[in-house]
Protein backbone atom coordinates (compact mmCIF):
# COMPACT_ATOMS: atom_id res chain seq x y z
CA MET A 1 -0.71 10.33 -21.95
CA ILE A 2 -3.15 9.23 -19.26
CA ILE A 3 -2.42 5.78 -17.83
CA SER A 4 -5.56 3.99 -16.68
CA LEU A 5 -6.27 0.65 -15.09
CA ILE A 6 -9.58 -1.03 -15.86
CA ALA A 7 -10.88 -3.98 -13.85
CA ALA A 8 -13.90 -5.61 -12.25
CA MET A 9 -13.58 -6.87 -8.70
CA SER A 10 -15.76 -8.30 -5.95
CA LYS A 11 -16.17 -6.85 -2.43
CA ASN A 12 -13.27 -9.06 -1.31
CA ARG A 13 -11.05 -7.75 -4.17
CA VAL A 14 -11.30 -10.92 -6.33
CA ILE A 15 -10.72 -10.34 -10.06
CA GLY A 16 -10.30 -13.91 -11.23
CA LYS A 17 -10.46 -17.61 -10.56
CA ASN A 18 -8.63 -20.32 -12.51
CA ASN A 19 -7.56 -17.75 -15.14
CA ASP A 20 -11.17 -16.75 -15.84
CA LEU A 21 -13.77 -14.32 -14.53
CA PRO A 22 -15.87 -15.89 -11.75
CA TRP A 23 -19.00 -14.03 -12.95
CA ARG A 24 -20.89 -13.16 -16.11
CA LEU A 25 -21.89 -9.50 -16.29
CA PRO A 26 -22.72 -8.60 -19.91
CA ASP A 27 -23.08 -4.86 -19.24
CA ASP A 28 -19.66 -4.78 -17.59
CA MET A 29 -18.17 -6.48 -20.67
CA LYS A 30 -19.88 -3.88 -22.87
CA TYR A 31 -18.50 -1.10 -20.64
CA PHE A 32 -14.99 -2.58 -20.96
CA GLN A 33 -15.33 -2.79 -24.74
CA ASN A 34 -16.64 0.75 -25.11
CA THR A 35 -14.10 2.26 -22.71
CA THR A 36 -11.01 0.61 -24.23
CA ASN A 37 -12.13 0.69 -27.88
CA GLY A 38 -9.60 2.41 -30.13
CA HIS A 39 -6.90 2.54 -27.45
CA VAL A 40 -3.69 0.72 -26.60
CA VAL A 41 -4.21 -2.02 -24.00
CA ILE A 42 -1.51 -3.73 -21.94
CA MET A 43 -2.16 -7.18 -20.50
CA GLY A 44 -0.18 -10.00 -19.00
CA ARG A 45 0.36 -13.21 -20.94
CA LYS A 46 -1.96 -15.20 -18.66
CA ASN A 47 -4.69 -12.62 -19.20
CA PHE A 48 -4.17 -12.90 -22.96
CA ASP A 49 -4.32 -16.70 -22.72
CA SER A 50 -7.67 -16.44 -20.91
CA LEU A 51 -9.32 -14.56 -23.79
CA PRO A 52 -11.62 -16.57 -26.05
CA ALA A 53 -9.96 -17.27 -29.42
CA LYS A 54 -12.47 -15.07 -31.26
CA PHE A 55 -11.25 -12.05 -29.23
CA LYS A 56 -7.51 -12.58 -29.81
CA PRO A 57 -6.25 -9.97 -30.32
CA LEU A 58 -8.87 -7.66 -28.82
CA PRO A 59 -10.40 -5.96 -31.87
CA ASN A 60 -9.92 -2.27 -32.66
CA ARG A 61 -7.15 -1.93 -30.04
CA THR A 62 -3.39 -2.11 -30.10
CA ASN A 63 -2.74 -5.19 -27.97
CA ILE A 64 0.44 -5.29 -25.89
CA ILE A 65 1.32 -8.45 -24.00
CA LEU A 66 3.78 -8.44 -21.11
CA THR A 67 5.62 -11.71 -20.56
CA ARG A 68 8.89 -12.96 -19.13
CA ASN A 69 9.15 -15.36 -22.09
CA LYS A 70 11.31 -13.64 -24.72
CA GLU A 71 10.23 -16.24 -27.29
CA PHE A 72 6.47 -15.66 -26.86
CA GLU A 73 4.59 -14.68 -30.01
CA ALA A 74 0.97 -13.78 -30.66
CA ASP A 75 -0.40 -12.70 -34.03
CA GLY A 76 -1.50 -9.08 -34.14
CA CYS A 77 0.09 -8.22 -30.77
CA GLU A 78 3.13 -6.33 -29.59
CA ILE A 79 5.19 -8.32 -27.09
CA PHE A 80 7.29 -6.78 -24.31
CA THR A 81 9.20 -8.14 -21.34
CA ASP A 82 9.39 -4.77 -19.59
CA LEU A 83 6.44 -2.60 -18.49
CA SER A 84 8.38 0.65 -18.97
CA GLU A 85 9.16 -0.26 -22.58
CA ALA A 86 5.51 -1.14 -23.22
CA VAL A 87 4.38 2.22 -21.83
CA ARG A 88 6.97 4.04 -23.98
CA PHE A 89 5.69 2.16 -27.03
CA ALA A 90 2.11 3.31 -26.27
CA ASN A 91 3.31 6.88 -25.82
CA ASN A 92 5.13 6.70 -29.17
CA CYS A 93 1.82 5.60 -30.74
CA LYS A 94 0.50 9.05 -29.72
CA GLU A 95 -1.96 7.33 -27.39
CA GLU A 96 -4.09 9.73 -25.32
CA GLU A 97 -5.18 7.13 -22.75
CA LEU A 98 -3.43 3.82 -22.24
CA PHE A 99 -5.43 1.02 -20.58
CA ILE A 100 -3.84 -1.63 -18.40
CA ILE A 101 -6.31 -4.52 -18.37
CA GLY A 102 -4.70 -7.07 -16.03
CA GLY A 103 -4.19 -9.53 -14.58
CA GLY A 104 -3.34 -9.26 -10.94
CA GLU A 105 0.43 -9.16 -11.27
CA ILE A 106 0.27 -6.52 -14.00
CA TYR A 107 -2.06 -4.35 -11.88
CA ASN A 108 0.40 -4.62 -8.96
CA GLN A 109 3.31 -3.60 -11.20
CA SER A 110 1.50 -0.67 -12.78
CA LEU A 111 -0.66 0.86 -10.03
CA HIS A 112 2.04 3.40 -9.15
CA LEU A 113 1.99 4.66 -12.78
CA ALA A 114 -1.78 5.10 -12.99
CA ASP A 115 -3.63 8.41 -13.25
CA ARG A 116 -7.10 6.86 -13.34
CA ILE A 117 -8.84 3.60 -12.44
CA TYR A 118 -12.06 2.36 -14.02
CA LEU A 119 -13.29 -0.14 -11.46
CA THR A 120 -16.46 -2.18 -11.60
CA ARG A 121 -17.13 -3.08 -7.98
CA ILE A 122 -19.38 -6.12 -7.65
CA ASN A 123 -21.32 -5.83 -4.41
CA GLN A 124 -20.78 -9.46 -3.39
CA GLU A 125 -17.96 -11.51 -1.93
CA ILE A 126 -16.89 -14.06 -4.52
CA GLU A 127 -14.40 -16.91 -4.31
CA GLY A 128 -11.27 -16.52 -6.41
CA ASP A 129 -7.50 -16.76 -6.59
CA THR A 130 -6.47 -13.44 -8.17
CA TYR A 131 -6.92 -10.06 -6.50
CA PHE A 132 -6.89 -6.36 -7.33
CA PRO A 133 -4.40 -4.35 -5.24
CA GLU A 134 -5.50 -2.22 -2.29
CA LEU A 135 -5.97 1.43 -3.20
CA ALA A 136 -4.21 4.06 -1.12
CA PRO A 137 -6.31 6.88 0.41
CA GLU A 138 -5.24 9.36 -2.30
CA TRP A 139 -7.49 7.57 -4.79
CA LYS A 140 -10.89 9.32 -4.84
CA VAL A 141 -14.11 8.35 -6.63
CA VAL A 142 -14.89 11.03 -9.23
CA LYS A 143 -17.79 9.20 -10.88
CA LYS A 144 -20.18 6.45 -9.78
CA ASN A 145 -22.98 4.70 -11.65
CA HIS A 146 -25.00 1.91 -10.03
CA HIS A 147 -26.19 -1.15 -11.98
CA PRO A 148 -28.87 -3.26 -10.27
CA LYS A 149 -29.09 -7.03 -10.28
CA ASP A 150 -31.46 -8.20 -13.03
CA ASP A 151 -32.29 -11.23 -15.16
CA ARG A 152 -28.97 -10.92 -17.06
CA HIS A 153 -26.76 -9.94 -14.09
CA GLN A 154 -26.59 -12.16 -11.01
CA TYR A 155 -25.09 -9.37 -8.86
CA ASN A 156 -25.57 -5.64 -8.53
CA PHE A 157 -22.46 -3.59 -9.15
CA ASP A 158 -21.13 -0.06 -9.44
CA PHE A 159 -19.07 1.50 -12.21
CA LEU A 160 -16.52 3.67 -10.39
CA ILE A 161 -13.88 6.00 -11.75
CA PHE A 162 -11.04 6.89 -9.39
CA GLU A 163 -8.44 9.61 -9.79
CA ARG A 164 -5.71 10.86 -7.51
């Protein structure tokens, strides 16, 4: 099973502010939906809480929530307190590519497990309070696609795929 992280971050590594995205990039959201569709996704409880109610659980995906709270429940989701157990569960589902979708703490815990990173890099410094971890030099860009700023996207950005 391939373990992938998927995230969008600014030039200064920001991925969130006040448990929300500090930007609106519809084509990035579409990319996220298309890339993770039909797969198992692992997210932290705060990330799950930040989803709009109409997207809970994320449709057409097996949703796994990591939390320290052993009493936490969420309809239509699998709940784990241990990342290793969540990954084993995904593997037992015969998943080909598991997606870790955040937030910051979950990315930090799982980066060492990852085979691939789908990273939307927004070419702007943006204020925030949650950050994507630094990537070690062994991570190499294997695919890049530029998206210009336009009337629906306030920033230009690049879709990057990293592998090591």
